[in-house]
Amino acid sequence: MTKADLKQEPTGKWMLRDPRTGHYIELRGANSMKPSDLPLQKGLDLTKPIAAQALSSGQAKNKTR
């Protein structure tokens, strides 16, 4: 098994070399949320449905008002 050839382009995209063809393909998902301003609440469980957790936390905030 060969070592993966991984490089980062100046644009910030991560590229992985396909050993069979020699072409570089974009590795999607690697640091894909880094430029995003998505605020995540503490206590958010990423193994459970996020929408349900967001709705339940929003309802809890509305009840306190």
C-alpha atoms as a PDB file:
ATOM      1  CA  MET A   1       0.000   0.000   0.000  1.00  0.00           C
ATOM      2  CA  THR A   2       1.363   3.399  -0.958  1.00  0.00           C
ATOM      3  CA  LYS A   3       1.371   6.565   1.084  1.00  0.00           C
ATOM      4  CA  ALA A   4      -1.337   9.077   0.159  1.00  0.00           C
ATOM      5  CA  ASP A   5      -0.131  12.136  -1.721  1.00  0.00           C
ATOM      6  CA  LEU A   6      -2.054  15.012  -0.184  1.00  0.00           C
ATOM      7  CA  LYS A   7      -1.487  18.685  -0.929  1.00  0.00           C
ATOM      8  CA  GLN A   8      -3.235  21.985  -0.290  1.00  0.00           C
ATOM      9  CA  GLU A   9      -3.722  24.419  -3.141  1.00  0.00           C
ATOM     10  CA  PRO A  10      -3.256  28.185  -2.684  1.00  0.00           C
ATOM     11  CA  THR A  11      -7.066  28.486  -2.760  1.00  0.00           C
ATOM     12  CA  GLY A  12      -7.218  26.347   0.400  1.00  0.00           C
ATOM     13  CA  LYS A  13      -8.673  23.240  -1.255  1.00  0.00           C
ATOM     14  CA  TRP A  14      -7.177  19.893  -0.271  1.00  0.00           C
ATOM     15  CA  MET A  15      -6.221  17.672  -3.195  1.00  0.00           C
ATOM     16  CA  LEU A  16      -5.533  13.926  -3.110  1.00  0.00           C
ATOM     17  CA  ARG A  17      -3.619  12.091  -5.833  1.00  0.00           C
ATOM     18  CA  ASP A  18      -5.329   9.028  -7.290  1.00  0.00           C
ATOM     19  CA  PRO A  19      -2.546   6.411  -7.488  1.00  0.00           C
ATOM     20  CA  ARG A  20      -4.163   4.579 -10.435  1.00  0.00           C
ATOM     21  CA  THR A  21      -4.598   7.581 -12.741  1.00  0.00           C
ATOM     22  CA  GLY A  22      -2.103  10.054 -11.297  1.00  0.00           C
ATOM     23  CA  HIS A  23      -4.740  12.808 -11.332  1.00  0.00           C
ATOM     24  CA  TYR A  24      -5.479  14.986  -8.323  1.00  0.00           C
ATOM     25  CA  ILE A  25      -9.031  15.024  -7.026  1.00  0.00           C
ATOM     26  CA  GLU A  26     -10.575  17.450  -4.556  1.00  0.00           C
ATOM     27  CA  LEU A  27     -10.994  16.078  -1.059  1.00  0.00           C
ATOM     28  CA  ARG A  28     -14.392  17.496  -0.151  1.00  0.00           C
ATOM     29  CA  GLY A  29     -15.385  17.942   3.452  1.00  0.00           C
ATOM     30  CA  ALA A  30     -11.870  18.615   4.750  1.00  0.00           C
ATOM     31  CA  ASN A  31     -12.165  21.918   6.654  1.00  0.00           C
ATOM     32  CA  SER A  32     -15.305  22.699   4.661  1.00  0.00           C
ATOM     33  CA  MET A  33     -16.923  24.569   7.567  1.00  0.00           C
ATOM     34  CA  LYS A  34     -13.837  26.574   8.506  1.00  0.00           C
ATOM     35  CA  PRO A  35     -14.764  29.780   6.613  1.00  0.00           C
ATOM     36  CA  SER A  36     -18.369  29.560   7.799  1.00  0.00           C
ATOM     37  CA  ASP A  37     -19.707  31.748  10.591  1.00  0.00           C
ATOM     38  CA  LEU A  38     -21.999  28.969  11.809  1.00  0.00           C
ATOM     39  CA  PRO A  39     -22.350  29.340  15.567  1.00  0.00           C
ATOM     40  CA  LEU A  40     -22.598  26.045  17.428  1.00  0.00           C
ATOM     41  CA  GLN A  41     -24.052  25.996  20.911  1.00  0.00           C
ATOM     42  CA  LYS A  42     -22.268  24.200  23.699  1.00  0.00           C
ATOM     43  CA  GLY A  43     -24.050  20.993  24.541  1.00  0.00           C
ATOM     44  CA  LEU A  44     -25.083  20.338  20.934  1.00  0.00           C
ATOM     45  CA  ASP A  45     -24.795  16.591  20.286  1.00  0.00           C
ATOM     46  CA  LEU A  46     -23.665  16.045  16.685  1.00  0.00           C
ATOM     47  CA  THR A  47     -24.678  12.373  16.841  1.00  0.00           C
ATOM     48  CA  LYS A  48     -28.358  13.353  17.204  1.00  0.00           C
ATOM     49  CA  PRO A  49     -30.581  15.244  14.736  1.00  0.00           C
ATOM     50  CA  ILE A  50     -29.444  18.865  14.842  1.00  0.00           C
ATOM     51  CA  ALA A  51     -32.739  20.364  13.628  1.00  0.00           C
ATOM     52  CA  ALA A  52     -34.678  18.719  16.459  1.00  0.00           C
ATOM     53  CA  GLN A  53     -32.154  19.993  19.008  1.00  0.00           C
ATOM     54  CA  ALA A  54     -32.271  23.521  17.550  1.00  0.00           C
ATOM     55  CA  LEU A  55     -36.060  23.569  17.635  1.00  0.00           C
ATOM     56  CA  SER A  56     -36.201  22.272  21.190  1.00  0.00           C
ATOM     57  CA  SER A  57     -33.647  24.832  22.394  1.00  0.00           C
ATOM     58  CA  GLY A  58     -35.560  27.592  20.599  1.00  0.00           C
ATOM     59  CA  GLN A  59     -38.791  26.574  22.309  1.00  0.00           C
ATOM     60  CA  ALA A  60     -37.059  26.558  25.672  1.00  0.00           C
ATOM     61  CA  LYS A  61     -35.877  30.140  25.079  1.00  0.00           C
ATOM     62  CA  ASN A  62     -39.384  31.250  24.080  1.00  0.00           C
ATOM     63  CA  LYS A  63     -40.902  29.745  27.233  1.00  0.00           C
ATOM     64  CA  THR A  64     -38.569  31.729  29.485  1.00  0.00           C
ATOM     65  CA  ARG A  65     -39.620  35.049  27.957  1.00  0.00           C
END
